[in-house]
Amino acid sequence: MATKEGKHGPNMNFAFGKKNYTYLIGGILLLIIGFVLLAGGGSKDPNQFSNELFSTQRMVVAPILLMLGYIVVAVAILAKPDGEAEETQSEEQQ
């Protein structure tokens, strides 16, 4: 692929745009928070059971954050970059 010259030098064609990277970072942060909330809940003594394992944080909140994180990452990967939409419109008009 040849690069096109723009106003400010050569136009580099990246796979993702700024919007995609923003979504990707947000999704990864949601995943990290979800896994941190999911961790823990054990007892110090392995012979003693802890009911903390079944807390609302681990059974409801963490899985919801994880699913949202995976959805946001999928949207970041599948979304069309901003510059590509403008290029497609200008090519169609020619």
PDB file of N, CA and C in Angstrom:
ATOM      1  N   MET A   1       0.828  -1.181   0.000  1.00  0.00           N
ATOM      2  CA  MET A   1       0.000   0.000   0.000  1.00  0.00           C
ATOM      3  C   MET A   1       0.871   1.243   0.000  1.00  0.00           C
ATOM      4  N   ALA A   2       0.546   2.152  -0.830  1.00  0.00           N
ATOM      5  CA  ALA A   2       1.279   3.401  -0.873  1.00  0.00           C
ATOM      6  C   ALA A   2       0.635   4.390   0.082  1.00  0.00           C
ATOM      7  N   THR A   3       1.451   5.189   0.722  1.00  0.00           N
ATOM      8  CA  THR A   3       0.909   6.204   1.620  1.00  0.00           C
ATOM      9  C   THR A   3       0.654   7.474   0.830  1.00  0.00           C
ATOM     10  N   LYS A   4      -0.357   8.203   1.224  1.00  0.00           N
ATOM     11  CA  LYS A   4      -0.712   9.451   0.558  1.00  0.00           C
ATOM     12  C   LYS A   4      -0.102  10.610   1.329  1.00  0.00           C
ATOM     13  N   GLU A   5       0.302  11.642   0.617  1.00  0.00           N
ATOM     14  CA  GLU A   5       0.855  12.826   1.250  1.00  0.00           C
ATOM     15  C   GLU A   5      -0.298  13.699   1.735  1.00  0.00           C
ATOM     16  N   GLY A   6      -0.256  14.074   3.003  1.00  0.00           N
ATOM     17  CA  GLY A   6      -1.260  14.962   3.566  1.00  0.00           C
ATOM     18  C   GLY A   6      -0.675  16.345   3.778  1.00  0.00           C
ATOM     19  N   LYS A   7      -1.405  17.190   4.498  1.00  0.00           N
ATOM     20  CA  LYS A   7      -0.937  18.543   4.798  1.00  0.00           C
ATOM     21  C   LYS A   7       0.338  18.526   5.627  1.00  0.00           C
ATOM     22  N   HIS A   8       0.411  17.609   6.561  1.00  0.00           N
ATOM     23  CA  HIS A   8       1.492  17.592   7.537  1.00  0.00           C
ATOM     24  C   HIS A   8       2.485  16.465   7.287  1.00  0.00           C
ATOM     25  N   GLY A   9       2.674  16.062   6.073  1.00  0.00           N
ATOM     26  CA  GLY A   9       3.622  14.995   5.776  1.00  0.00           C
ATOM     27  C   GLY A   9       2.902  13.747   5.310  1.00  0.00           C
ATOM     28  N   PRO A  10       3.607  12.619   5.299  1.00  0.00           N
ATOM     29  CA  PRO A  10       2.993  11.384   4.806  1.00  0.00           C
ATOM     30  C   PRO A  10       1.857  10.917   5.714  1.00  0.00           C
ATOM     31  N   ASN A  11       0.825  10.395   5.112  1.00  0.00           N
ATOM     32  CA  ASN A  11      -0.342   9.894   5.843  1.00  0.00           C
ATOM     33  C   ASN A  11      -0.114   8.415   6.151  1.00  0.00           C
ATOM     34  N   MET A  12       0.061   8.096   7.415  1.00  0.00           N
ATOM     35  CA  MET A  12       0.287   6.715   7.828  1.00  0.00           C
ATOM     36  C   MET A  12      -1.062   6.039   8.040  1.00  0.00           C
ATOM     37  N   ASN A  13      -1.248   4.860   7.487  1.00  0.00           N
ATOM     38  CA  ASN A  13      -2.490   4.114   7.639  1.00  0.00           C
ATOM     39  C   ASN A  13      -2.339   3.116   8.781  1.00  0.00           C
ATOM     40  N   PHE A  14      -2.892   3.461   9.938  1.00  0.00           N
ATOM     41  CA  PHE A  14      -2.869   2.566  11.084  1.00  0.00           C
ATOM     42  C   PHE A  14      -4.140   1.734  11.101  1.00  0.00           C
ATOM     43  N   ALA A  15      -4.076   0.582  11.738  1.00  0.00           N
ATOM     44  CA  ALA A  15      -5.242  -0.299  11.792  1.00  0.00           C
ATOM     45  C   ALA A  15      -6.356   0.299  12.651  1.00  0.00           C
ATOM     46  N   PHE A  16      -5.988   0.991  13.723  1.00  0.00           N
ATOM     47  CA  PHE A  16      -6.966   1.585  14.630  1.00  0.00           C
ATOM     48  C   PHE A  16      -6.827   3.098  14.621  1.00  0.00           C
ATOM     49  N   GLY A  17      -7.939   3.768  14.900  1.00  0.00           N
ATOM     50  CA  GLY A  17      -7.927   5.217  15.068  1.00  0.00           C
ATOM     51  C   GLY A  17      -7.885   5.562  16.546  1.00  0.00           C
ATOM     52  N   LYS A  18      -7.926   6.850  16.845  1.00  0.00           N
ATOM     53  CA  LYS A  18      -7.870   7.303  18.238  1.00  0.00           C
ATOM     54  C   LYS A  18      -9.063   6.774  19.039  1.00  0.00           C
ATOM     55  N   LYS A  19     -10.238   6.775  18.405  1.00  0.00           N
ATOM     56  CA  LYS A  19     -11.451   6.280  19.066  1.00  0.00           C
ATOM     57  C   LYS A  19     -11.300   4.799  19.431  1.00  0.00           C
ATOM     58  N   ASN A  20     -10.721   4.017  18.528  1.00  0.00           N
ATOM     59  CA  ASN A  20     -10.542   2.589  18.774  1.00  0.00           C
ATOM     60  C   ASN A  20      -9.615   2.348  19.962  1.00  0.00           C
ATOM     61  N   TYR A  21      -8.501   3.087  20.005  1.00  0.00           N
ATOM     62  CA  TYR A  21      -7.572   2.922  21.118  1.00  0.00           C
ATOM     63  C   TYR A  21      -8.183   3.359  22.439  1.00  0.00           C
ATOM     64  N   THR A  22      -9.008   4.397  22.411  1.00  0.00           N
ATOM     65  CA  THR A  22      -9.679   4.842  23.635  1.00  0.00           C
ATOM     66  C   THR A  22     -10.614   3.757  24.152  1.00  0.00           C
ATOM     67  N   TYR A  23     -11.409   3.178  23.250  1.00  0.00           N
ATOM     68  CA  TYR A  23     -12.303   2.083  23.651  1.00  0.00           C
ATOM     69  C   TYR A  23     -11.514   0.879  24.153  1.00  0.00           C
ATOM     70  N   LEU A  24     -10.419   0.573  23.483  1.00  0.00           N
ATOM     71  CA  LEU A  24      -9.606  -0.580  23.862  1.00  0.00           C
ATOM     72  C   LEU A  24      -9.027  -0.404  25.264  1.00  0.00           C
ATOM     73  N   ILE A  25      -8.498   0.760  25.563  1.00  0.00           N
ATOM     74  CA  ILE A  25      -7.946   1.020  26.896  1.00  0.00           C
ATOM     75  C   ILE A  25      -9.048   0.978  27.948  1.00  0.00           C
ATOM     76  N   GLY A  26     -10.213   1.544  27.636  1.00  0.00           N
ATOM     77  CA  GLY A  26     -11.338   1.495  28.570  1.00  0.00           C
ATOM     78  C   GLY A  26     -11.796   0.069  28.837  1.00  0.00           C
ATOM     79  N   GLY A  27     -11.861  -0.750  27.800  1.00  0.00           N
ATOM     80  CA  GLY A  27     -12.264  -2.148  27.962  1.00  0.00           C
ATOM     81  C   GLY A  27     -11.263  -2.935  28.786  1.00  0.00           C
ATOM     82  N   ILE A  28      -9.975  -2.692  28.549  1.00  0.00           N
ATOM     83  CA  ILE A  28      -8.945  -3.394  29.323  1.00  0.00           C
ATOM     84  C   ILE A  28      -8.997  -2.975  30.791  1.00  0.00           C
ATOM     85  N   LEU A  29      -9.255  -1.689  31.047  1.00  0.00           N
ATOM     86  CA  LEU A  29      -9.394  -1.245  32.441  1.00  0.00           C
ATOM     87  C   LEU A  29     -10.594  -1.907  33.111  1.00  0.00           C
ATOM     88  N   LEU A  30     -11.711  -2.026  32.397  1.00  0.00           N
ATOM     89  CA  LEU A  30     -12.878  -2.730  32.953  1.00  0.00           C
ATOM     90  C   LEU A  30     -12.544  -4.183  33.267  1.00  0.00           C
ATOM     91  N   LEU A  31     -11.790  -4.833  32.389  1.00  0.00           N
ATOM     92  CA  LEU A  31     -11.396  -6.224  32.631  1.00  0.00           C
ATOM     93  C   LEU A  31     -10.496  -6.340  33.858  1.00  0.00           C
ATOM     94  N   ILE A  32      -9.551  -5.434  33.999  1.00  0.00           N
ATOM     95  CA  ILE A  32      -8.656  -5.480  35.159  1.00  0.00           C
ATOM     96  C   ILE A  32      -9.438  -5.279  36.444  1.00  0.00           C
ATOM     97  N   ILE A  33     -10.339  -4.295  36.460  1.00  0.00           N
ATOM     98  CA  ILE A  33     -11.150  -4.049  37.659  1.00  0.00           C
ATOM     99  C   ILE A  33     -12.019  -5.267  37.963  1.00  0.00           C
ATOM    100  N   GLY A  34     -12.612  -5.873  36.935  1.00  0.00           N
ATOM    101  CA  GLY A  34     -13.448  -7.053  37.136  1.00  0.00           C
ATOM    102  C   GLY A  34     -12.679  -8.219  37.721  1.00  0.00           C
ATOM    103  N   PHE A  35     -11.472  -8.480  37.210  1.00  0.00           N
ATOM    104  CA  PHE A  35     -10.681  -9.586  37.747  1.00  0.00           C
ATOM    105  C   PHE A  35     -10.185  -9.307  39.161  1.00  0.00           C
ATOM    106  N   VAL A  36      -9.879  -8.051  39.474  1.00  0.00           N
ATOM    107  CA  VAL A  36      -9.460  -7.707  40.838  1.00  0.00           C
ATOM    108  C   VAL A  36     -10.619  -7.927  41.805  1.00  0.00           C
ATOM    109  N   LEU A  37     -11.833  -7.528  41.407  1.00  0.00           N
ATOM    110  CA  LEU A  37     -12.993  -7.739  42.277  1.00  0.00           C
ATOM    111  C   LEU A  37     -13.339  -9.217  42.423  1.00  0.00           C
ATOM    112  N   LEU A  38     -13.018 -10.004  41.431  1.00  0.00           N
ATOM    113  CA  LEU A  38     -13.315 -11.430  41.456  1.00  0.00           C
ATOM    114  C   LEU A  38     -12.341 -12.200  42.351  1.00  0.00           C
ATOM    115  N   ALA A  39     -11.148 -11.686  42.530  1.00  0.00           N
ATOM    116  CA  ALA A  39     -10.108 -12.388  43.282  1.00  0.00           C
ATOM    117  C   ALA A  39     -10.404 -12.381  44.788  1.00  0.00           C
ATOM    118  N   GLY A  40      -9.805 -13.314  45.480  1.00  0.00           N
ATOM    119  CA  GLY A  40      -9.913 -13.363  46.943  1.00  0.00           C
ATOM    120  C   GLY A  40     -11.091 -14.188  47.417  1.00  0.00           C
ATOM    121  N   GLY A  41     -11.434 -13.981  48.658  1.00  0.00           N
ATOM    122  CA  GLY A  41     -12.584 -14.661  49.235  1.00  0.00           C
ATOM    123  C   GLY A  41     -12.253 -15.948  49.952  1.00  0.00           C
ATOM    124  N   GLY A  42     -10.997 -16.326  49.995  1.00  0.00           N
ATOM    125  CA  GLY A  42     -10.611 -17.547  50.690  1.00  0.00           C
ATOM    126  C   GLY A  42     -10.354 -17.279  52.162  1.00  0.00           C
ATOM    127  N   SER A  43     -10.228 -18.330  52.921  1.00  0.00           N
ATOM    128  CA  SER A  43      -9.910 -18.169  54.338  1.00  0.00           C
ATOM    129  C   SER A  43      -8.434 -18.498  54.548  1.00  0.00           C
ATOM    130  N   LYS A  44      -7.904 -18.015  55.635  1.00  0.00           N
ATOM    131  CA  LYS A  44      -6.493 -18.261  55.939  1.00  0.00           C
ATOM    132  C   LYS A  44      -6.247 -19.720  56.317  1.00  0.00           C
ATOM    133  N   ASP A  45      -7.227 -20.340  56.934  1.00  0.00           N
ATOM    134  CA  ASP A  45      -7.121 -21.742  57.324  1.00  0.00           C
ATOM    135  C   ASP A  45      -7.805 -22.599  56.249  1.00  0.00           C
ATOM    136  N   PRO A  46      -7.082 -23.497  55.577  1.00  0.00           N
ATOM    137  CA  PRO A  46      -7.706 -24.291  54.511  1.00  0.00           C
ATOM    138  C   PRO A  46      -8.765 -25.276  55.008  1.00  0.00           C
ATOM    139  N   ASN A  47      -8.814 -25.546  56.292  1.00  0.00           N
ATOM    140  CA  ASN A  47      -9.813 -26.470  56.846  1.00  0.00           C
ATOM    141  C   ASN A  47     -11.099 -25.767  57.250  1.00  0.00           C
ATOM    142  N   GLN A  48     -11.141 -24.450  57.098  1.00  0.00           N
ATOM    143  CA  GLN A  48     -12.315 -23.682  57.512  1.00  0.00           C
ATOM    144  C   GLN A  48     -12.945 -23.025  56.287  1.00  0.00           C
ATOM    145  N   PHE A  49     -14.286 -23.140  56.162  1.00  0.00           N
ATOM    146  CA  PHE A  49     -15.011 -22.567  55.012  1.00  0.00           C
ATOM    147  C   PHE A  49     -15.323 -21.099  55.277  1.00  0.00           C
ATOM    148  N   SER A  50     -15.222 -20.284  54.224  1.00  0.00           N
ATOM    149  CA  SER A  50     -15.531 -18.863  54.341  1.00  0.00           C
ATOM    150  C   SER A  50     -16.713 -18.524  53.438  1.00  0.00           C
ATOM    151  N   ASN A  51     -17.740 -17.894  54.006  1.00  0.00           N
ATOM    152  CA  ASN A  51     -18.909 -17.485  53.224  1.00  0.00           C
ATOM    153  C   ASN A  51     -18.618 -16.249  52.376  1.00  0.00           C
ATOM    154  N   GLU A  52     -17.478 -15.622  52.583  1.00  0.00           N
ATOM    155  CA  GLU A  52     -17.089 -14.452  51.791  1.00  0.00           C
ATOM    156  C   GLU A  52     -16.934 -14.809  50.321  1.00  0.00           C
ATOM    157  N   LEU A  53     -16.757 -16.072  50.029  1.00  0.00           N
ATOM    158  CA  LEU A  53     -16.635 -16.542  48.656  1.00  0.00           C
ATOM    159  C   LEU A  53     -17.889 -16.228  47.841  1.00  0.00           C
ATOM    160  N   PHE A  54     -19.043 -16.189  48.479  1.00  0.00           N
ATOM    161  CA  PHE A  54     -20.317 -15.969  47.796  1.00  0.00           C
ATOM    162  C   PHE A  54     -20.851 -14.560  47.995  1.00  0.00           C
ATOM    163  N   SER A  55     -19.982 -13.566  48.113  1.00  0.00           N
ATOM    164  CA  SER A  55     -20.421 -12.184  48.304  1.00  0.00           C
ATOM    165  C   SER A  55     -20.997 -11.632  46.992  1.00  0.00           C
ATOM    166  N   THR A  56     -21.774 -10.573  47.099  1.00  0.00           N
ATOM    167  CA  THR A  56     -22.381  -9.937  45.936  1.00  0.00           C
ATOM    168  C   THR A  56     -21.317  -9.398  44.989  1.00  0.00           C
ATOM    169  N   GLN A  57     -20.235  -8.932  45.561  1.00  0.00           N
ATOM    170  CA  GLN A  57     -19.140  -8.397  44.743  1.00  0.00           C
ATOM    171  C   GLN A  57     -18.595  -9.455  43.792  1.00  0.00           C
ATOM    172  N   ARG A  58     -18.405 -10.665  44.272  1.00  0.00           N
ATOM    173  CA  ARG A  58     -17.823 -11.732  43.453  1.00  0.00           C
ATOM    174  C   ARG A  58     -18.848 -12.443  42.581  1.00  0.00           C
ATOM    175  N   MET A  59     -20.094 -12.481  42.999  1.00  0.00           N
ATOM    176  CA  MET A  59     -21.111 -13.230  42.258  1.00  0.00           C
ATOM    177  C   MET A  59     -21.877 -12.380  41.248  1.00  0.00           C
ATOM    178  N   VAL A  60     -21.919 -11.048  41.435  1.00  0.00           N
ATOM    179  CA  VAL A  60     -22.732 -10.196  40.563  1.00  0.00           C
ATOM    180  C   VAL A  60     -21.898  -9.097  39.908  1.00  0.00           C
ATOM    181  N   VAL A  61     -21.232  -8.289  40.717  1.00  0.00           N
ATOM    182  CA  VAL A  61     -20.556  -7.095  40.205  1.00  0.00           C
ATOM    183  C   VAL A  61     -19.386  -7.456  39.286  1.00  0.00           C
ATOM    184  N   ALA A  62     -18.512  -8.349  39.729  1.00  0.00           N
ATOM    185  CA  ALA A  62     -17.331  -8.707  38.938  1.00  0.00           C
ATOM    186  C   ALA A  62     -17.700  -9.334  37.588  1.00  0.00           C
ATOM    187  N   PRO A  63     -18.621 -10.294  37.526  1.00  0.00           N
ATOM    188  CA  PRO A  63     -18.981 -10.839  36.202  1.00  0.00           C
ATOM    189  C   PRO A  63     -19.609  -9.817  35.262  1.00  0.00           C
ATOM    190  N   ILE A  64     -20.389  -8.875  35.802  1.00  0.00           N
ATOM    191  CA  ILE A  64     -20.974  -7.831  34.961  1.00  0.00           C
ATOM    192  C   ILE A  64     -19.875  -6.946  34.387  1.00  0.00           C
ATOM    193  N   LEU A  65     -18.904  -6.549  35.214  1.00  0.00           N
ATOM    194  CA  LEU A  65     -17.794  -5.738  34.728  1.00  0.00           C
ATOM    195  C   LEU A  65     -16.965  -6.489  33.686  1.00  0.00           C
ATOM    196  N   LEU A  66     -16.770  -7.772  33.901  1.00  0.00           N
ATOM    197  CA  LEU A  66     -16.014  -8.564  32.930  1.00  0.00           C
ATOM    198  C   LEU A  66     -16.740  -8.641  31.584  1.00  0.00           C
ATOM    199  N   MET A  67     -18.042  -8.879  31.604  1.00  0.00           N
ATOM    200  CA  MET A  67     -18.802  -8.942  30.350  1.00  0.00           C
ATOM    201  C   MET A  67     -18.792  -7.592  29.638  1.00  0.00           C
ATOM    202  N   LEU A  68     -18.951  -6.501  30.388  1.00  0.00           N
ATOM    203  CA  LEU A  68     -18.890  -5.177  29.782  1.00  0.00           C
ATOM    204  C   LEU A  68     -17.513  -4.916  29.184  1.00  0.00           C
ATOM    205  N   GLY A  69     -16.468  -5.336  29.889  1.00  0.00           N
ATOM    206  CA  GLY A  69     -15.111  -5.159  29.383  1.00  0.00           C
ATOM    207  C   GLY A  69     -14.892  -5.895  28.080  1.00  0.00           C
ATOM    208  N   TYR A  70     -15.350  -7.155  28.005  1.00  0.00           N
ATOM    209  CA  TYR A  70     -15.196  -7.916  26.764  1.00  0.00           C
ATOM    210  C   TYR A  70     -16.006  -7.300  25.624  1.00  0.00           C
ATOM    211  N   ILE A  71     -17.185  -6.787  25.914  1.00  0.00           N
ATOM    212  CA  ILE A  71     -18.003  -6.143  24.882  1.00  0.00           C
ATOM    213  C   ILE A  71     -17.323  -4.881  24.372  1.00  0.00           C
ATOM    214  N   VAL A  72     -16.784  -4.063  25.286  1.00  0.00           N
ATOM    215  CA  VAL A  72     -16.110  -2.828  24.873  1.00  0.00           C
ATOM    216  C   VAL A  72     -14.874  -3.139  24.034  1.00  0.00           C
ATOM    217  N   VAL A  73     -14.115  -4.171  24.403  1.00  0.00           N
ATOM    218  CA  VAL A  73     -12.939  -4.551  23.611  1.00  0.00           C
ATOM    219  C   VAL A  73     -13.374  -5.020  22.224  1.00  0.00           C
ATOM    220  N   ALA A  74     -14.454  -5.782  22.132  1.00  0.00           N
ATOM    221  CA  ALA A  74     -14.947  -6.235  20.827  1.00  0.00           C
ATOM    222  C   ALA A  74     -15.384  -5.051  19.968  1.00  0.00           C
ATOM    223  N   VAL A  75     -16.056  -4.078  20.564  1.00  0.00           N
ATOM    224  CA  VAL A  75     -16.466  -2.886  19.827  1.00  0.00           C
ATOM    225  C   VAL A  75     -15.239  -2.111  19.355  1.00  0.00           C
ATOM    226  N   ALA A  76     -14.212  -2.030  20.205  1.00  0.00           N
ATOM    227  CA  ALA A  76     -12.988  -1.316  19.826  1.00  0.00           C
ATOM    228  C   ALA A  76     -12.316  -1.978  18.630  1.00  0.00           C
ATOM    229  N   ILE A  77     -12.360  -3.280  18.568  1.00  0.00           N
ATOM    230  CA  ILE A  77     -11.721  -3.990  17.459  1.00  0.00           C
ATOM    231  C   ILE A  77     -12.556  -3.878  16.181  1.00  0.00           C
ATOM    232  N   LEU A  78     -13.864  -3.945  16.304  1.00  0.00           N
ATOM    233  CA  LEU A  78     -14.731  -3.977  15.122  1.00  0.00           C
ATOM    234  C   LEU A  78     -15.127  -2.606  14.591  1.00  0.00           C
ATOM    235  N   ALA A  79     -14.999  -1.556  15.401  1.00  0.00           N
ATOM    236  CA  ALA A  79     -15.419  -0.219  14.970  1.00  0.00           C
ATOM    237  C   ALA A  79     -14.502   0.292  13.865  1.00  0.00           C
ATOM    238  N   LYS A  80     -15.095   0.974  12.916  1.00  0.00           N
ATOM    239  CA  LYS A  80     -14.333   1.531  11.798  1.00  0.00           C
ATOM    240  C   LYS A  80     -13.613   2.795  12.281  1.00  0.00           C
ATOM    241  N   PRO A  81     -12.320   2.912  12.013  1.00  0.00           N
ATOM    242  CA  PRO A  81     -11.593   4.121  12.433  1.00  0.00           C
ATOM    243  C   PRO A  81     -12.166   5.372  11.768  1.00  0.00           C
ATOM    244  N   ASP A  82     -12.019   6.524  12.432  1.00  0.00           N
ATOM    245  CA  ASP A  82     -12.587   7.780  11.929  1.00  0.00           C
ATOM    246  C   ASP A  82     -12.052   8.153  10.556  1.00  0.00           C
ATOM    247  N   GLY A  83     -10.761   8.074  10.340  1.00  0.00           N
ATOM    248  CA  GLY A  83     -10.151   8.452   9.065  1.00  0.00           C
ATOM    249  C   GLY A  83     -10.590   7.564   7.921  1.00  0.00           C
ATOM    250  N   GLU A  84     -10.845   6.291   8.200  1.00  0.00           N
ATOM    251  CA  GLU A  84     -11.254   5.352   7.150  1.00  0.00           C
ATOM    252  C   GLU A  84     -12.629   5.704   6.609  1.00  0.00           C
ATOM    253  N   ALA A  85     -13.521   6.183   7.458  1.00  0.00           N
ATOM    254  CA  ALA A  85     -14.861   6.562   7.012  1.00  0.00           C
ATOM    255  C   ALA A  85     -14.775   7.762   6.065  1.00  0.00           C
ATOM    256  N   GLU A  86     -13.895   8.726   6.366  1.00  0.00           N
ATOM    257  CA  GLU A  86     -13.742   9.885   5.501  1.00  0.00           C
ATOM    258  C   GLU A  86     -13.125   9.488   4.162  1.00  0.00           C
ATOM    259  N   GLU A  87     -12.140   8.574   4.175  1.00  0.00           N
ATOM    260  CA  GLU A  87     -11.518   8.113   2.943  1.00  0.00           C
ATOM    261  C   GLU A  87     -12.526   7.405   2.050  1.00  0.00           C
ATOM    262  N   THR A  88     -13.368   6.568   2.644  1.00  0.00           N
ATOM    263  CA  THR A  88     -14.364   5.819   1.882  1.00  0.00           C
ATOM    264  C   THR A  88     -15.351   6.773   1.222  1.00  0.00           C
ATOM    265  N   GLN A  89     -15.786   7.808   1.934  1.00  0.00           N
ATOM    266  CA  GLN A  89     -16.731   8.766   1.368  1.00  0.00           C
ATOM    267  C   GLN A  89     -16.091   9.545   0.227  1.00  0.00           C
ATOM    268  N   SER A  90     -14.830   9.953   0.378  1.00  0.00           N
ATOM    269  CA  SER A  90     -14.191  10.733  -0.680  1.00  0.00           C
ATOM    270  C   SER A  90     -13.921   9.867  -1.922  1.00  0.00           C
ATOM    271  N   GLU A  91     -13.620   8.572  -1.736  1.00  0.00           N
ATOM    272  CA  GLU A  91     -13.406   7.680  -2.868  1.00  0.00           C
ATOM    273  C   GLU A  91     -14.709   7.421  -3.611  1.00  0.00           C
ATOM    274  N   GLU A  92     -15.835   7.341  -2.884  1.00  0.00           N
ATOM    275  CA  GLU A  92     -17.122   7.103  -3.521  1.00  0.00           C
ATOM    276  C   GLU A  92     -17.568   8.304  -4.345  1.00  0.00           C
ATOM    277  N   GLN A  93     -17.205   9.510  -3.914  1.00  0.00           N
ATOM    278  CA  GLN A  93     -17.607  10.713  -4.633  1.00  0.00           C
ATOM    279  C   GLN A  93     -16.827  10.905  -5.923  1.00  0.00           C
ATOM    280  N   GLN A  94     -15.651  10.318  -6.043  1.00  0.00           N
ATOM    281  CA  GLN A  94     -14.828  10.504  -7.241  1.00  0.00           C
ATOM    282  C   GLN A  94     -15.281   9.662  -8.348  1.00  0.00           C
TER     283      GLN A  94
END
